[in-house]
């Protein structure tokens, strides 16, 4: 008899169905979201999905599904520098100040 799918597996499958695995030069391949995103405005370009009747950021769902909740005063930084990447291994908990510093360093890099 097959074991029932647990919520964590259902969420993984829902994310994987809209992901393309691509080598973009980081240590491991990025999981690029092919579904909808947050648009072109300020803070735009982040992947979005529907989950339990709400629109949510896919990278946040991927992280919390694998690692648990994000503590207050922390946010996720894309170490690979690709907003559409939802590979939880490419995400790291940092402070807002750390995230801004890394963003600025990446913009200055050739």
N, C-alpha and C. Protein backbone atom coordinates (compact mmCIF):
# COMPACT_ATOMS: atom_id res chain seq x y z
N UNK A 1 0.83 -1.18 0.00
CA UNK A 1 0.00 0.00 0.00
C UNK A 1 0.88 1.25 0.00
N UNK A 2 0.54 2.25 -0.81
CA UNK A 2 1.30 3.48 -0.89
C UNK A 2 1.06 4.34 0.34
N UNK A 3 2.14 4.97 0.81
CA UNK A 3 2.02 5.88 1.95
C UNK A 3 1.35 7.18 1.48
N UNK A 4 0.51 7.76 2.31
CA UNK A 4 -0.13 9.02 1.91
C UNK A 4 0.90 10.15 1.81
N UNK A 5 0.66 11.06 0.88
CA UNK A 5 1.55 12.22 0.75
C UNK A 5 1.36 13.14 1.94
N UNK A 6 2.47 13.60 2.48
CA UNK A 6 2.38 14.58 3.55
C UNK A 6 2.45 15.98 2.94
N UNK A 7 1.97 16.96 3.69
CA UNK A 7 1.89 18.34 3.19
C UNK A 7 3.23 18.82 2.62
N UNK A 8 4.31 18.51 3.30
CA UNK A 8 5.64 18.95 2.83
C UNK A 8 5.93 18.42 1.43
N UNK A 9 5.57 17.16 1.16
CA UNK A 9 5.78 16.56 -0.16
C UNK A 9 4.88 17.19 -1.21
N UNK A 10 3.65 17.51 -0.83
CA UNK A 10 2.71 18.15 -1.75
C UNK A 10 3.24 19.52 -2.17
N UNK A 11 3.77 20.28 -1.21
CA UNK A 11 4.32 21.61 -1.52
C UNK A 11 5.55 21.47 -2.41
N UNK A 12 6.44 20.52 -2.09
CA UNK A 12 7.62 20.29 -2.94
C UNK A 12 7.21 20.00 -4.38
N UNK A 13 6.22 19.14 -4.55
CA UNK A 13 5.76 18.77 -5.89
C UNK A 13 5.14 19.96 -6.61
N UNK A 14 4.39 20.77 -5.90
CA UNK A 14 3.76 21.94 -6.51
C UNK A 14 4.82 22.93 -7.00
N UNK A 15 5.87 23.11 -6.21
CA UNK A 15 6.96 24.00 -6.63
C UNK A 15 7.72 23.38 -7.80
N UNK A 16 8.07 22.12 -7.70
CA UNK A 16 8.85 21.44 -8.74
C UNK A 16 8.16 21.45 -10.09
N UNK A 17 6.83 21.46 -10.10
CA UNK A 17 6.08 21.45 -11.35
C UNK A 17 6.27 22.73 -12.16
N UNK A 18 6.72 23.81 -11.51
CA UNK A 18 6.89 25.10 -12.19
C UNK A 18 8.35 25.56 -12.19
N UNK A 19 9.29 24.62 -12.06
CA UNK A 19 10.71 24.96 -11.94
C UNK A 19 11.49 24.37 -13.12
N UNK A 20 12.44 25.14 -13.59
CA UNK A 20 13.41 24.67 -14.57
C UNK A 20 14.78 24.71 -13.91
N UNK A 21 15.48 23.58 -13.87
CA UNK A 21 16.80 23.51 -13.25
C UNK A 21 17.83 23.97 -14.28
N UNK A 22 18.57 25.04 -13.92
CA UNK A 22 19.48 25.69 -14.87
C UNK A 22 20.81 26.00 -14.18
N UNK A 23 21.91 25.73 -14.88
CA UNK A 23 23.23 26.10 -14.37
C UNK A 23 23.48 27.55 -14.77
N UNK A 24 23.49 28.43 -13.78
CA UNK A 24 23.74 29.86 -14.03
C UNK A 24 25.07 30.31 -13.43
N UNK A 25 25.97 29.34 -13.18
CA UNK A 25 27.31 29.67 -12.73
C UNK A 25 27.51 29.66 -11.22
N UNK A 26 26.47 29.35 -10.45
CA UNK A 26 26.63 29.23 -9.01
C UNK A 26 27.16 27.83 -8.70
N UNK A 27 27.44 27.54 -7.44
CA UNK A 27 28.01 26.24 -7.06
C UNK A 27 27.16 25.06 -7.53
N UNK A 28 25.84 25.19 -7.42
CA UNK A 28 24.90 24.16 -7.85
C UNK A 28 23.85 24.83 -8.73
N UNK A 29 23.10 24.05 -9.51
CA UNK A 29 22.11 24.67 -10.41
C UNK A 29 21.02 25.44 -9.66
N UNK A 30 20.56 26.50 -10.30
CA UNK A 30 19.43 27.27 -9.80
C UNK A 30 18.14 26.55 -10.19
N UNK A 31 17.10 26.72 -9.37
CA UNK A 31 15.77 26.22 -9.68
C UNK A 31 14.94 27.44 -10.05
N UNK A 32 14.86 27.72 -11.33
CA UNK A 32 14.23 28.94 -11.82
C UNK A 32 12.72 28.75 -11.95
N UNK A 33 11.98 29.59 -11.26
CA UNK A 33 10.52 29.57 -11.27
C UNK A 33 10.03 30.03 -12.63
N UNK A 34 9.15 29.24 -13.24
CA UNK A 34 8.61 29.58 -14.56
C UNK A 34 7.19 30.10 -14.48
N UNK A 35 6.66 30.18 -13.27
CA UNK A 35 5.30 30.66 -13.08
C UNK A 35 5.25 32.17 -12.90
N UNK A 36 4.14 32.68 -12.35
CA UNK A 36 3.96 34.12 -12.20
C UNK A 36 4.93 34.73 -11.19
N UNK A 37 5.10 36.05 -11.31
CA UNK A 37 5.96 36.75 -10.35
C UNK A 37 5.26 38.03 -9.87
N UNK A 38 6.00 38.81 -9.09
CA UNK A 38 5.42 39.99 -8.44
C UNK A 38 5.41 41.23 -9.32
N UNK A 39 5.73 41.09 -10.59
CA UNK A 39 5.63 42.22 -11.51
C UNK A 39 6.93 42.99 -11.66
N UNK A 40 6.80 44.19 -12.23
CA UNK A 40 7.98 44.97 -12.59
C UNK A 40 8.29 46.14 -11.67
N UNK A 41 7.44 46.41 -10.70
CA UNK A 41 7.65 47.56 -9.82
C UNK A 41 8.78 47.34 -8.83
N UNK A 42 8.88 48.26 -7.87
CA UNK A 42 9.89 48.15 -6.82
C UNK A 42 9.68 46.81 -6.09
N UNK A 43 10.75 46.06 -5.95
CA UNK A 43 10.63 44.74 -5.33
C UNK A 43 10.01 43.70 -6.23
N UNK A 44 9.93 43.99 -7.51
CA UNK A 44 9.30 43.08 -8.45
C UNK A 44 10.21 41.94 -8.87
N UNK A 45 9.62 40.99 -9.56
CA UNK A 45 10.38 39.89 -10.12
C UNK A 45 10.51 38.68 -9.23
N UNK A 46 9.90 38.72 -8.04
CA UNK A 46 9.96 37.57 -7.15
C UNK A 46 8.83 36.59 -7.49
N UNK A 47 9.14 35.29 -7.54
CA UNK A 47 8.14 34.27 -7.87
C UNK A 47 6.96 34.27 -6.90
N UNK A 48 5.76 34.04 -7.46
CA UNK A 48 4.53 33.96 -6.67
C UNK A 48 3.77 32.70 -7.04
N UNK A 49 3.07 32.15 -6.04
CA UNK A 49 2.23 30.98 -6.26
C UNK A 49 1.01 31.08 -5.34
N UNK A 50 0.00 30.29 -5.65
CA UNK A 50 -1.18 30.20 -4.80
C UNK A 50 -1.03 28.99 -3.89
N UNK A 51 -1.27 29.21 -2.61
CA UNK A 51 -1.19 28.13 -1.63
C UNK A 51 -2.23 28.40 -0.55
N UNK A 52 -3.11 27.46 -0.37
CA UNK A 52 -4.18 27.58 0.64
C UNK A 52 -5.00 28.86 0.46
N UNK A 53 -5.29 29.22 -0.80
CA UNK A 53 -6.13 30.38 -1.07
C UNK A 53 -5.43 31.72 -0.99
N UNK A 54 -4.12 31.72 -0.80
CA UNK A 54 -3.37 32.98 -0.72
C UNK A 54 -2.27 32.99 -1.77
N UNK A 55 -1.89 34.19 -2.21
CA UNK A 55 -0.73 34.35 -3.07
C UNK A 55 0.48 34.56 -2.17
N UNK A 56 1.51 33.75 -2.37
CA UNK A 56 2.68 33.77 -1.51
C UNK A 56 3.96 33.78 -2.34
N UNK A 57 5.05 34.25 -1.74
CA UNK A 57 6.36 34.25 -2.39
C UNK A 57 6.93 32.84 -2.36
N UNK A 58 7.27 32.32 -3.52
CA UNK A 58 7.69 30.93 -3.64
C UNK A 58 9.00 30.66 -2.88
N UNK A 59 9.94 31.59 -2.93
CA UNK A 59 11.20 31.34 -2.23
C UNK A 59 10.99 31.25 -0.72
N UNK A 60 10.03 32.01 -0.19
CA UNK A 60 9.72 31.92 1.24
C UNK A 60 9.07 30.57 1.57
N UNK A 61 8.17 30.12 0.70
CA UNK A 61 7.53 28.82 0.89
C UNK A 61 8.57 27.70 0.82
N UNK A 62 9.46 27.77 -0.17
CA UNK A 62 10.49 26.73 -0.33
C UNK A 62 11.36 26.65 0.92
N UNK A 63 11.77 27.81 1.44
CA UNK A 63 12.62 27.84 2.63
C UNK A 63 11.89 27.26 3.84
N UNK A 64 10.70 27.78 4.11
CA UNK A 64 9.99 27.35 5.31
C UNK A 64 9.58 25.88 5.22
N UNK A 65 9.32 25.41 4.02
CA UNK A 65 8.97 23.99 3.85
C UNK A 65 10.14 23.08 4.23
N UNK A 66 11.35 23.53 3.98
CA UNK A 66 12.52 22.70 4.25
C UNK A 66 13.20 23.00 5.60
N UNK A 67 13.12 24.26 6.06
CA UNK A 67 13.90 24.68 7.23
C UNK A 67 13.08 25.22 8.39
N UNK A 68 11.81 25.49 8.19
CA UNK A 68 10.98 26.05 9.25
C UNK A 68 10.79 27.55 9.06
N UNK A 69 10.14 28.16 10.03
CA UNK A 69 9.77 29.57 9.93
C UNK A 69 10.99 30.49 9.91
N UNK A 70 10.79 31.65 9.32
CA UNK A 70 11.82 32.68 9.26
C UNK A 70 11.66 33.56 10.50
N UNK A 71 12.70 33.65 11.33
CA UNK A 71 12.58 34.45 12.55
C UNK A 71 12.36 35.93 12.23
N UNK A 72 11.73 36.64 13.17
CA UNK A 72 11.57 38.08 13.03
C UNK A 72 12.93 38.74 12.86
N UNK A 73 12.95 39.84 12.13
CA UNK A 73 14.17 40.61 11.85
C UNK A 73 15.15 39.87 10.95
N UNK A 74 14.72 38.77 10.35
CA UNK A 74 15.56 38.06 9.37
C UNK A 74 14.82 38.03 8.04
N UNK A 75 15.58 37.91 6.98
CA UNK A 75 15.02 37.76 5.64
C UNK A 75 15.92 36.83 4.85
N UNK A 76 15.45 36.43 3.68
CA UNK A 76 16.22 35.50 2.86
C UNK A 76 17.01 36.25 1.81
N UNK A 77 18.26 35.86 1.68
CA UNK A 77 19.13 36.40 0.63
C UNK A 77 19.36 35.29 -0.38
N UNK A 78 19.25 35.64 -1.67
CA UNK A 78 19.58 34.71 -2.74
C UNK A 78 21.09 34.74 -2.94
N UNK A 79 21.80 33.74 -2.45
CA UNK A 79 23.25 33.71 -2.58
C UNK A 79 23.68 33.66 -4.04
N UNK A 80 22.82 33.09 -4.89
CA UNK A 80 23.12 32.98 -6.32
C UNK A 80 22.81 34.27 -7.07
N UNK A 81 22.16 35.22 -6.41
CA UNK A 81 21.81 36.56 -6.93
C UNK A 81 20.71 36.51 -8.00
N UNK A 82 19.93 35.44 -8.06
CA UNK A 82 18.84 35.33 -9.03
C UNK A 82 17.50 35.29 -8.30
N UNK A 83 16.70 36.33 -8.44
CA UNK A 83 15.42 36.44 -7.75
C UNK A 83 14.46 35.32 -8.07
N UNK A 84 14.49 34.82 -9.28
CA UNK A 84 13.54 33.77 -9.67
C UNK A 84 13.99 32.37 -9.23
N UNK A 85 15.16 32.27 -8.60
CA UNK A 85 15.64 30.99 -8.09
C UNK A 85 14.91 30.67 -6.78
N UNK A 86 14.35 29.45 -6.72
CA UNK A 86 13.64 29.01 -5.52
C UNK A 86 14.32 27.78 -4.89
N UNK A 87 15.58 27.56 -5.22
CA UNK A 87 16.34 26.47 -4.63
C UNK A 87 16.65 26.86 -3.18
N UNK A 88 16.08 26.14 -2.23
CA UNK A 88 16.26 26.51 -0.82
C UNK A 88 17.73 26.46 -0.41
N UNK A 89 18.55 25.70 -1.12
CA UNK A 89 19.98 25.66 -0.82
C UNK A 89 20.70 26.93 -1.25
N UNK A 90 20.07 27.74 -2.07
CA UNK A 90 20.66 29.00 -2.53
C UNK A 90 20.19 30.18 -1.68
N UNK A 91 19.38 29.90 -0.67
CA UNK A 91 18.83 30.95 0.18
C UNK A 91 19.51 30.90 1.54
N UNK A 92 19.68 32.09 2.14
CA UNK A 92 20.32 32.16 3.45
C UNK A 92 19.62 33.20 4.30
N UNK A 93 19.42 32.87 5.57
CA UNK A 93 18.83 33.83 6.51
C UNK A 93 19.87 34.88 6.86
N UNK A 94 19.50 36.14 6.67
CA UNK A 94 20.38 37.26 6.98
C UNK A 94 19.54 38.40 7.56
N UNK A 95 20.23 39.39 8.11
CA UNK A 95 19.53 40.60 8.52
C UNK A 95 19.30 41.47 7.28
N UNK A 96 18.42 42.45 7.42
CA UNK A 96 18.17 43.38 6.31
C UNK A 96 19.46 44.08 5.92
N UNK A 97 20.25 44.49 6.91
CA UNK A 97 21.51 45.19 6.63
C UNK A 97 22.48 44.31 5.84
N UNK A 98 22.59 43.02 6.23
CA UNK A 98 23.45 42.10 5.49
C UNK A 98 22.96 41.93 4.05
N UNK A 99 21.65 41.82 3.87
CA UNK A 99 21.08 41.63 2.55
C UNK A 99 21.38 42.84 1.66
N UNK A 100 21.21 44.03 2.21
CA UNK A 100 21.47 45.24 1.43
C UNK A 100 22.95 45.35 1.06
N UNK A 101 23.82 45.00 2.01
CA UNK A 101 25.26 45.05 1.76
C UNK A 101 25.65 44.09 0.64
N UNK A 102 25.11 42.87 0.69
CA UNK A 102 25.41 41.89 -0.37
C UNK A 102 24.87 42.35 -1.71
N UNK A 103 23.67 42.93 -1.71
CA UNK A 103 23.09 43.44 -2.96
C UNK A 103 24.00 44.51 -3.56
N UNK A 104 24.45 45.44 -2.72
CA UNK A 104 25.31 46.52 -3.20
C UNK A 104 26.64 45.99 -3.71
N UNK A 105 27.20 44.99 -3.03
CA UNK A 105 28.46 44.38 -3.50
C UNK A 105 28.26 43.71 -4.84
N UNK A 106 27.14 43.02 -5.03
CA UNK A 106 26.87 42.33 -6.29
C UNK A 106 26.70 43.32 -7.43
N UNK A 107 26.09 44.47 -7.14
CA UNK A 107 25.90 45.48 -8.18
C UNK A 107 27.23 46.10 -8.61
N UNK A 108 28.19 46.18 -7.69
CA UNK A 108 29.51 46.76 -8.00
C UNK A 108 30.42 45.78 -8.71
N UNK A 109 30.15 44.47 -8.53
CA UNK A 109 31.03 43.44 -9.11
C UNK A 109 30.95 43.48 -10.64
N UNK A 110 32.09 43.21 -11.30
CA UNK A 110 32.08 43.23 -12.80
C UNK A 110 31.28 42.13 -13.40
